[in-house]
């Protein structure tokens, strides 16, 4: 639409289309990340093959329900506290399941009680508690990264947070052109360009990803055009929790 700003370009691996992502350029504040429009282009002709909005479709709706229950601002915290509550449920459930007499393997027996529903709850509840514990812990960790990161000894994130970066606006008129940014990035790290992300009002640098798979990023300063290859991402605790 008129006024939209390009956020990123993803180049095809083989004969696929080019994907251009754009966000509204208005200055109207909002709680969550801006609505992103993705446009698929035919590489030889630049003909528009398809387009979609990030707020459209069942998968997007399910993602928003899973991450924030579709509740603005406080939704992520609500989901995080639900994860904490499930963690507490797992701990108390294992405590109640644990046999008071004999070895713990006695808890895996089928006939611990007279009632069928109690036996089912004890047996299946134990095995369900294991993946539920992992699910709850990782979900709570993602919702409250500062709290759990401090517990694990992770270094605090410098600069704007993840939520602020998601709301950042791409620059309307970058000082460094797209061609120059790509050329400087490939000079710093030779290889095939996978994605190019525009500089924003919070991060005045181009981000060029080079190489297959996760690839490596090259940061190109928009003001000076100076390029610097970023080191491969470390498998820290936060990345482990998301994976």
C-alpha atoms as a PDB file:
ATOM      1  CA  UNK A   1       0.000   0.000   0.000  1.00  0.00           C
ATOM      2  CA  UNK A   2       1.100   3.600  -0.351  1.00  0.00           C
ATOM      3  CA  UNK A   3       3.311   4.548   2.578  1.00  0.00           C
ATOM      4  CA  UNK A   4       4.351   0.991   3.416  1.00  0.00           C
ATOM      5  CA  UNK A   5       8.052   0.423   3.973  1.00  0.00           C
ATOM      6  CA  UNK A   6      10.057  -2.605   2.927  1.00  0.00           C
ATOM      7  CA  UNK A   7      11.239  -4.572   5.950  1.00  0.00           C
ATOM      8  CA  UNK A   8      13.144  -7.432   4.323  1.00  0.00           C
ATOM      9  CA  UNK A   9      13.764  -9.362   1.125  1.00  0.00           C
ATOM     10  CA  UNK A  10      14.237 -13.136   1.071  1.00  0.00           C
ATOM     11  CA  UNK A  11      15.921 -14.573  -2.006  1.00  0.00           C
ATOM     12  CA  UNK A  12      14.991 -18.010  -3.348  1.00  0.00           C
ATOM     13  CA  UNK A  13      16.978 -21.189  -2.929  1.00  0.00           C
ATOM     14  CA  UNK A  14      16.741 -22.541  -6.454  1.00  0.00           C
ATOM     15  CA  UNK A  15      13.704 -21.649  -8.559  1.00  0.00           C
ATOM     16  CA  UNK A  16      11.459 -20.328  -5.801  1.00  0.00           C
ATOM     17  CA  UNK A  17       9.931 -16.855  -5.622  1.00  0.00           C
ATOM     18  CA  UNK A  18      11.378 -13.740  -4.033  1.00  0.00           C
ATOM     19  CA  UNK A  19       9.565 -12.769  -0.826  1.00  0.00           C
ATOM     20  CA  UNK A  20       9.259  -9.078   0.048  1.00  0.00           C
ATOM     21  CA  UNK A  21       7.979  -8.140   3.521  1.00  0.00           C
ATOM     22  CA  UNK A  22       6.612  -4.649   4.190  1.00  0.00           C
ATOM     23  CA  UNK A  23       5.112  -2.876   7.206  1.00  0.00           C
ATOM     24  CA  UNK A  24       2.976   0.290   7.504  1.00  0.00           C
ATOM     25  CA  UNK A  25       5.005   3.466   7.612  1.00  0.00           C
ATOM     26  CA  UNK A  26       2.649   5.450   9.841  1.00  0.00           C
ATOM     27  CA  UNK A  27       3.735   6.652  13.247  1.00  0.00           C
ATOM     28  CA  UNK A  28       0.616   5.453  15.060  1.00  0.00           C
ATOM     29  CA  UNK A  29       1.696   3.548  18.202  1.00  0.00           C
ATOM     30  CA  UNK A  30       0.426   0.042  18.841  1.00  0.00           C
ATOM     31  CA  UNK A  31       0.802  -2.629  21.477  1.00  0.00           C
ATOM     32  CA  UNK A  32       2.141  -5.476  19.363  1.00  0.00           C
ATOM     33  CA  UNK A  33       4.287  -5.793  16.269  1.00  0.00           C
ATOM     34  CA  UNK A  34       2.958  -4.038  13.148  1.00  0.00           C
ATOM     35  CA  UNK A  35       0.981  -5.951  10.575  1.00  0.00           C
ATOM     36  CA  UNK A  36       3.417  -7.296   8.013  1.00  0.00           C
ATOM     37  CA  UNK A  37       2.462  -7.817   4.373  1.00  0.00           C
ATOM     38  CA  UNK A  38       4.358 -10.515   2.465  1.00  0.00           C
ATOM     39  CA  UNK A  39       4.470 -10.374  -1.333  1.00  0.00           C
ATOM     40  CA  UNK A  40       5.742 -13.241  -3.502  1.00  0.00           C
ATOM     41  CA  UNK A  41       7.408 -12.133  -6.751  1.00  0.00           C
ATOM     42  CA  UNK A  42       8.376 -14.057  -9.865  1.00  0.00           C
ATOM     43  CA  UNK A  43      12.177 -13.555 -10.161  1.00  0.00           C
ATOM     44  CA  UNK A  44      12.431 -13.073 -13.972  1.00  0.00           C
ATOM     45  CA  UNK A  45       9.450 -10.722 -14.342  1.00  0.00           C
ATOM     46  CA  UNK A  46       8.794  -9.298 -10.834  1.00  0.00           C
ATOM     47  CA  UNK A  47       5.144 -10.251 -11.344  1.00  0.00           C
ATOM     48  CA  UNK A  48       3.179 -10.514  -8.107  1.00  0.00           C
ATOM     49  CA  UNK A  49       2.326 -14.174  -7.549  1.00  0.00           C
ATOM     50  CA  UNK A  50       0.592 -13.863  -4.192  1.00  0.00           C
ATOM     51  CA  UNK A  51       0.320 -11.690  -1.097  1.00  0.00           C
ATOM     52  CA  UNK A  52      -0.855 -12.153   2.462  1.00  0.00           C
ATOM     53  CA  UNK A  53      -1.085 -10.292   5.741  1.00  0.00           C
ATOM     54  CA  UNK A  54       0.621 -11.491   8.915  1.00  0.00           C
ATOM     55  CA  UNK A  55      -2.713 -11.164  10.731  1.00  0.00           C
ATOM     56  CA  UNK A  56      -4.564 -13.382   8.261  1.00  0.00           C
ATOM     57  CA  UNK A  57      -5.109 -17.118   8.280  1.00  0.00           C
ATOM     58  CA  UNK A  58      -5.779 -19.863  10.791  1.00  0.00           C
ATOM     59  CA  UNK A  59      -2.100 -20.560  11.531  1.00  0.00           C
ATOM     60  CA  UNK A  60      -1.532 -16.916  12.523  1.00  0.00           C
ATOM     61  CA  UNK A  61      -4.619 -16.986  14.749  1.00  0.00           C
ATOM     62  CA  UNK A  62      -3.428 -20.159  16.470  1.00  0.00           C
ATOM     63  CA  UNK A  63       0.029 -18.630  16.948  1.00  0.00           C
ATOM     64  CA  UNK A  64      -1.475 -15.541  18.597  1.00  0.00           C
ATOM     65  CA  UNK A  65      -3.687 -17.679  20.843  1.00  0.00           C
ATOM     66  CA  UNK A  66      -0.720 -19.811  21.857  1.00  0.00           C
ATOM     67  CA  UNK A  67       1.568 -16.850  22.548  1.00  0.00           C
ATOM     68  CA  UNK A  68      -0.765 -14.242  24.038  1.00  0.00           C
ATOM     69  CA  UNK A  69      -4.339 -15.593  24.072  1.00  0.00           C
ATOM     70  CA  UNK A  70      -5.027 -12.648  21.685  1.00  0.00           C
ATOM     71  CA  UNK A  71      -4.875 -10.322  24.702  1.00  0.00           C
ATOM     72  CA  UNK A  72      -2.960  -7.087  23.931  1.00  0.00           C
ATOM     73  CA  UNK A  73      -0.041  -6.017  26.148  1.00  0.00           C
ATOM     74  CA  UNK A  74      -0.715  -8.423  29.051  1.00  0.00           C
ATOM     75  CA  UNK A  75      -1.340 -11.598  27.021  1.00  0.00           C
ATOM     76  CA  UNK A  76       2.263 -12.813  27.039  1.00  0.00           C
ATOM     77  CA  UNK A  77       2.502 -12.380  30.813  1.00  0.00           C
ATOM     78  CA  UNK A  78      -0.782 -14.263  31.299  1.00  0.00           C
ATOM     79  CA  UNK A  79       0.567 -17.181  29.252  1.00  0.00           C
ATOM     80  CA  UNK A  80       3.799 -17.070  31.258  1.00  0.00           C
ATOM     81  CA  UNK A  81       1.983 -17.256  34.584  1.00  0.00           C
ATOM     82  CA  UNK A  82      -0.093 -20.155  33.253  1.00  0.00           C
ATOM     83  CA  UNK A  83       3.206 -21.897  32.557  1.00  0.00           C
ATOM     84  CA  UNK A  84       4.314 -21.226  36.129  1.00  0.00           C
ATOM     85  CA  UNK A  85       1.009 -22.650  37.400  1.00  0.00           C
ATOM     86  CA  UNK A  86       1.504 -25.798  35.303  1.00  0.00           C
ATOM     87  CA  UNK A  87       5.032 -26.135  36.700  1.00  0.00           C
ATOM     88  CA  UNK A  88       3.584 -26.009  40.225  1.00  0.00           C
ATOM     89  CA  UNK A  89       0.991 -28.603  39.202  1.00  0.00           C
ATOM     90  CA  UNK A  90       3.743 -30.902  37.911  1.00  0.00           C
ATOM     91  CA  UNK A  91       5.749 -30.619  41.138  1.00  0.00           C
ATOM     92  CA  UNK A  92       2.750 -31.240  43.391  1.00  0.00           C
ATOM     93  CA  UNK A  93       1.529 -34.081  41.174  1.00  0.00           C
ATOM     94  CA  UNK A  94       4.869 -35.891  41.330  1.00  0.00           C
ATOM     95  CA  UNK A  95       4.934 -35.319  45.105  1.00  0.00           C
ATOM     96  CA  UNK A  96       1.511 -36.930  45.509  1.00  0.00           C
ATOM     97  CA  UNK A  97       2.401 -39.746  43.091  1.00  0.00           C
ATOM     98  CA  UNK A  98       5.643 -40.662  44.890  1.00  0.00           C
ATOM     99  CA  UNK A  99       5.157 -43.871  46.942  1.00  0.00           C
ATOM    100  CA  UNK A 100       5.381 -43.302  50.687  1.00  0.00           C
ATOM    101  CA  UNK A 101       6.562 -46.884  51.277  1.00  0.00           C
ATOM    102  CA  UNK A 102       9.235 -48.764  49.330  1.00  0.00           C
ATOM    103  CA  UNK A 103      11.100 -47.770  46.202  1.00  0.00           C
ATOM    104  CA  UNK A 104       9.838 -45.170  43.729  1.00  0.00           C
ATOM    105  CA  UNK A 105       9.273 -47.829  41.035  1.00  0.00           C
ATOM    106  CA  UNK A 106       6.287 -48.970  43.085  1.00  0.00           C
ATOM    107  CA  UNK A 107       4.563 -45.863  41.763  1.00  0.00           C
ATOM    108  CA  UNK A 108       4.525 -47.376  38.270  1.00  0.00           C
ATOM    109  CA  UNK A 109       2.284 -50.226  39.368  1.00  0.00           C
ATOM    110  CA  UNK A 110      -1.230 -50.320  37.949  1.00  0.00           C
ATOM    111  CA  UNK A 111      -3.278 -51.354  40.986  1.00  0.00           C
ATOM    112  CA  UNK A 112      -2.288 -48.808  43.568  1.00  0.00           C
ATOM    113  CA  UNK A 113      -5.902 -47.995  44.447  1.00  0.00           C
ATOM    114  CA  UNK A 114      -9.298 -49.615  44.194  1.00  0.00           C
ATOM    115  CA  UNK A 115     -10.767 -47.032  41.830  1.00  0.00           C
ATOM    116  CA  UNK A 116     -10.115 -47.219  38.102  1.00  0.00           C
ATOM    117  CA  UNK A 117     -10.019 -43.441  37.655  1.00  0.00           C
ATOM    118  CA  UNK A 118      -7.456 -43.050  40.457  1.00  0.00           C
ATOM    119  CA  UNK A 119      -5.204 -45.706  38.918  1.00  0.00           C
ATOM    120  CA  UNK A 120      -5.493 -44.018  35.517  1.00  0.00           C
ATOM    121  CA  UNK A 121      -4.673 -40.625  37.017  1.00  0.00           C
ATOM    122  CA  UNK A 122      -1.599 -41.908  38.853  1.00  0.00           C
ATOM    123  CA  UNK A 123      -0.195 -43.885  35.935  1.00  0.00           C
ATOM    124  CA  UNK A 124      -0.894 -41.546  33.020  1.00  0.00           C
ATOM    125  CA  UNK A 125      -0.400 -38.441  35.149  1.00  0.00           C
ATOM    126  CA  UNK A 126       3.178 -39.465  35.867  1.00  0.00           C
ATOM    127  CA  UNK A 127       4.126 -39.850  32.197  1.00  0.00           C
ATOM    128  CA  UNK A 128       2.201 -36.734  31.150  1.00  0.00           C
ATOM    129  CA  UNK A 129       3.937 -34.695  33.865  1.00  0.00           C
ATOM    130  CA  UNK A 130       7.340 -35.196  32.208  1.00  0.00           C
ATOM    131  CA  UNK A 131       6.617 -33.499  28.832  1.00  0.00           C
ATOM    132  CA  UNK A 132       4.247 -31.059  30.551  1.00  0.00           C
ATOM    133  CA  UNK A 133       7.100 -29.972  32.817  1.00  0.00           C
ATOM    134  CA  UNK A 134       9.360 -29.290  29.805  1.00  0.00           C
ATOM    135  CA  UNK A 135       6.559 -27.474  27.954  1.00  0.00           C
ATOM    136  CA  UNK A 136       5.700 -25.325  30.984  1.00  0.00           C
ATOM    137  CA  UNK A 137       9.308 -24.490  31.856  1.00  0.00           C
ATOM    138  CA  UNK A 138      10.273 -23.438  28.333  1.00  0.00           C
ATOM    139  CA  UNK A 139       7.053 -21.432  27.897  1.00  0.00           C
ATOM    140  CA  UNK A 140       7.548 -19.583  31.162  1.00  0.00           C
ATOM    141  CA  UNK A 141      11.205 -18.988  30.275  1.00  0.00           C
ATOM    142  CA  UNK A 142      10.255 -17.416  26.931  1.00  0.00           C
ATOM    143  CA  UNK A 143       7.609 -15.232  28.610  1.00  0.00           C
ATOM    144  CA  UNK A 144       9.941 -13.992  31.379  1.00  0.00           C
ATOM    145  CA  UNK A 145      13.436 -14.060  29.843  1.00  0.00           C
ATOM    146  CA  UNK A 146      14.906 -11.447  32.220  1.00  0.00           C
ATOM    147  CA  UNK A 147      13.932 -13.364  35.364  1.00  0.00           C
ATOM    148  CA  UNK A 148      14.987 -16.829  34.200  1.00  0.00           C
ATOM    149  CA  UNK A 149      18.032 -15.455  32.367  1.00  0.00           C
ATOM    150  CA  UNK A 150      19.316 -13.950  35.609  1.00  0.00           C
ATOM    151  CA  UNK A 151      18.838 -17.311  37.351  1.00  0.00           C
ATOM    152  CA  UNK A 152      20.879 -19.097  34.672  1.00  0.00           C
ATOM    153  CA  UNK A 153      23.652 -16.498  34.738  1.00  0.00           C
ATOM    154  CA  UNK A 154      22.960 -15.292  31.183  1.00  0.00           C
ATOM    155  CA  UNK A 155      24.260 -11.879  30.222  1.00  0.00           C
ATOM    156  CA  UNK A 156      21.501  -9.241  30.111  1.00  0.00           C
ATOM    157  CA  UNK A 157      20.489  -8.136  26.639  1.00  0.00           C
ATOM    158  CA  UNK A 158      21.908  -4.807  25.597  1.00  0.00           C
ATOM    159  CA  UNK A 159      19.907  -2.227  23.709  1.00  0.00           C
ATOM    160  CA  UNK A 160      16.193  -2.401  22.864  1.00  0.00           C
ATOM    161  CA  UNK A 161      14.294  -5.527  23.838  1.00  0.00           C
ATOM    162  CA  UNK A 162      12.793  -8.070  21.479  1.00  0.00           C
ATOM    163  CA  UNK A 163       9.313  -6.530  21.677  1.00  0.00           C
ATOM    164  CA  UNK A 164      10.656  -3.054  20.903  1.00  0.00           C
ATOM    165  CA  UNK A 165      12.645  -4.375  17.929  1.00  0.00           C
ATOM    166  CA  UNK A 166       9.488  -6.018  16.570  1.00  0.00           C
ATOM    167  CA  UNK A 167       7.768  -2.605  16.581  1.00  0.00           C
ATOM    168  CA  UNK A 168      10.725  -0.771  15.014  1.00  0.00           C
ATOM    169  CA  UNK A 169      10.022   1.027  11.725  1.00  0.00           C
ATOM    170  CA  UNK A 170      12.233   0.468   8.679  1.00  0.00           C
ATOM    171  CA  UNK A 171      13.847   3.664   7.448  1.00  0.00           C
ATOM    172  CA  UNK A 172      11.958   5.363   4.657  1.00  0.00           C
ATOM    173  CA  UNK A 173      15.136   6.576   2.915  1.00  0.00           C
ATOM    174  CA  UNK A 174      18.307   4.758   4.041  1.00  0.00           C
ATOM    175  CA  UNK A 175      21.580   6.524   3.344  1.00  0.00           C
ATOM    176  CA  UNK A 176      23.218   3.358   2.010  1.00  0.00           C
ATOM    177  CA  UNK A 177      21.550   1.824  -1.040  1.00  0.00           C
ATOM    178  CA  UNK A 178      20.463  -1.811  -1.188  1.00  0.00           C
ATOM    179  CA  UNK A 179      23.047  -2.666  -3.862  1.00  0.00           C
ATOM    180  CA  UNK A 180      25.840  -1.075  -1.826  1.00  0.00           C
ATOM    181  CA  UNK A 181      24.777  -2.861   1.350  1.00  0.00           C
ATOM    182  CA  UNK A 182      24.814  -6.240  -0.427  1.00  0.00           C
ATOM    183  CA  UNK A 183      28.176  -5.540  -2.079  1.00  0.00           C
ATOM    184  CA  UNK A 184      29.780  -4.502   1.223  1.00  0.00           C
ATOM    185  CA  UNK A 185      28.338  -7.551   2.985  1.00  0.00           C
ATOM    186  CA  UNK A 186      29.645  -9.975   0.353  1.00  0.00           C
ATOM    187  CA  UNK A 187      33.049  -8.304   0.497  1.00  0.00           C
ATOM    188  CA  UNK A 188      33.147  -8.938   4.254  1.00  0.00           C
ATOM    189  CA  UNK A 189      31.768 -12.484   3.965  1.00  0.00           C
ATOM    190  CA  UNK A 190      31.687 -14.076   0.492  1.00  0.00           C
ATOM    191  CA  UNK A 191      28.703 -16.274  -0.312  1.00  0.00           C
ATOM    192  CA  UNK A 192      25.124 -16.310  -1.526  1.00  0.00           C
ATOM    193  CA  UNK A 193      22.764 -13.758  -0.006  1.00  0.00           C
ATOM    194  CA  UNK A 194      19.711 -15.325   1.637  1.00  0.00           C
ATOM    195  CA  UNK A 195      17.926 -12.380   3.252  1.00  0.00           C
ATOM    196  CA  UNK A 196      18.380  -8.632   3.541  1.00  0.00           C
ATOM    197  CA  UNK A 197      16.727  -6.709   6.403  1.00  0.00           C
ATOM    198  CA  UNK A 198      16.369  -2.925   6.205  1.00  0.00           C
ATOM    199  CA  UNK A 199      17.792  -0.552   8.839  1.00  0.00           C
ATOM    200  CA  UNK A 200      15.225   0.693  11.338  1.00  0.00           C
ATOM    201  CA  UNK A 201      14.731   3.698  13.585  1.00  0.00           C
ATOM    202  CA  UNK A 202      16.119   1.616  16.484  1.00  0.00           C
ATOM    203  CA  UNK A 203      18.920  -0.147  14.622  1.00  0.00           C
ATOM    204  CA  UNK A 204      20.608   1.950  11.931  1.00  0.00           C
ATOM    205  CA  UNK A 205      22.215  -0.920  10.052  1.00  0.00           C
ATOM    206  CA  UNK A 206      21.442  -3.354   7.269  1.00  0.00           C
ATOM    207  CA  UNK A 207      21.401  -7.035   8.220  1.00  0.00           C
ATOM    208  CA  UNK A 208      22.491  -9.334   5.393  1.00  0.00           C
ATOM    209  CA  UNK A 209      22.299 -13.095   5.956  1.00  0.00           C
ATOM    210  CA  UNK A 210      24.741 -15.099   3.854  1.00  0.00           C
ATOM    211  CA  UNK A 211      24.892 -18.868   3.497  1.00  0.00           C
ATOM    212  CA  UNK A 212      22.427 -21.750   3.572  1.00  0.00           C
ATOM    213  CA  UNK A 213      20.448 -22.795   6.621  1.00  0.00           C
ATOM    214  CA  UNK A 214      20.821 -20.399   9.550  1.00  0.00           C
ATOM    215  CA  UNK A 215      23.706 -18.712   7.721  1.00  0.00           C
ATOM    216  CA  UNK A 216      25.780 -15.881   9.144  1.00  0.00           C
ATOM    217  CA  UNK A 217      24.809 -12.257   9.432  1.00  0.00           C
ATOM    218  CA  UNK A 218      26.743  -9.250   8.229  1.00  0.00           C
ATOM    219  CA  UNK A 219      25.883  -5.857   9.725  1.00  0.00           C
ATOM    220  CA  UNK A 220      26.317  -2.887   7.386  1.00  0.00           C
ATOM    221  CA  UNK A 221      26.241   0.540   9.025  1.00  0.00           C
ATOM    222  CA  UNK A 222      23.737   2.679   7.144  1.00  0.00           C
ATOM    223  CA  UNK A 223      25.603   5.932   7.757  1.00  0.00           C
ATOM    224  CA  UNK A 224      29.131   4.817   6.838  1.00  0.00           C
ATOM    225  CA  UNK A 225      28.578   1.642   4.794  1.00  0.00           C
ATOM    226  CA  UNK A 226      31.074  -0.223   6.977  1.00  0.00           C
ATOM    227  CA  UNK A 227      30.402  -3.967   7.069  1.00  0.00           C
ATOM    228  CA  UNK A 228      31.171  -6.378   9.889  1.00  0.00           C
ATOM    229  CA  UNK A 229      30.467 -10.111   9.935  1.00  0.00           C
ATOM    230  CA  UNK A 230      28.778 -11.302  13.118  1.00  0.00           C
ATOM    231  CA  UNK A 231      30.129 -14.411  14.866  1.00  0.00           C
ATOM    232  CA  UNK A 232      28.042 -17.596  14.615  1.00  0.00           C
ATOM    233  CA  UNK A 233      25.182 -17.526  17.145  1.00  0.00           C
ATOM    234  CA  UNK A 234      25.970 -19.247  20.418  1.00  0.00           C
ATOM    235  CA  UNK A 235      23.717 -21.995  21.742  1.00  0.00           C
ATOM    236  CA  UNK A 236      22.887 -20.184  24.965  1.00  0.00           C
ATOM    237  CA  UNK A 237      20.130 -21.136  27.391  1.00  0.00           C
ATOM    238  CA  UNK A 238      17.536 -18.856  25.774  1.00  0.00           C
ATOM    239  CA  UNK A 239      18.088 -20.376  22.320  1.00  0.00           C
ATOM    240  CA  UNK A 240      17.984 -23.856  23.869  1.00  0.00           C
ATOM    241  CA  UNK A 241      14.611 -23.130  25.483  1.00  0.00           C
ATOM    242  CA  UNK A 242      13.120 -21.977  22.182  1.00  0.00           C
ATOM    243  CA  UNK A 243      14.474 -24.993  20.332  1.00  0.00           C
END
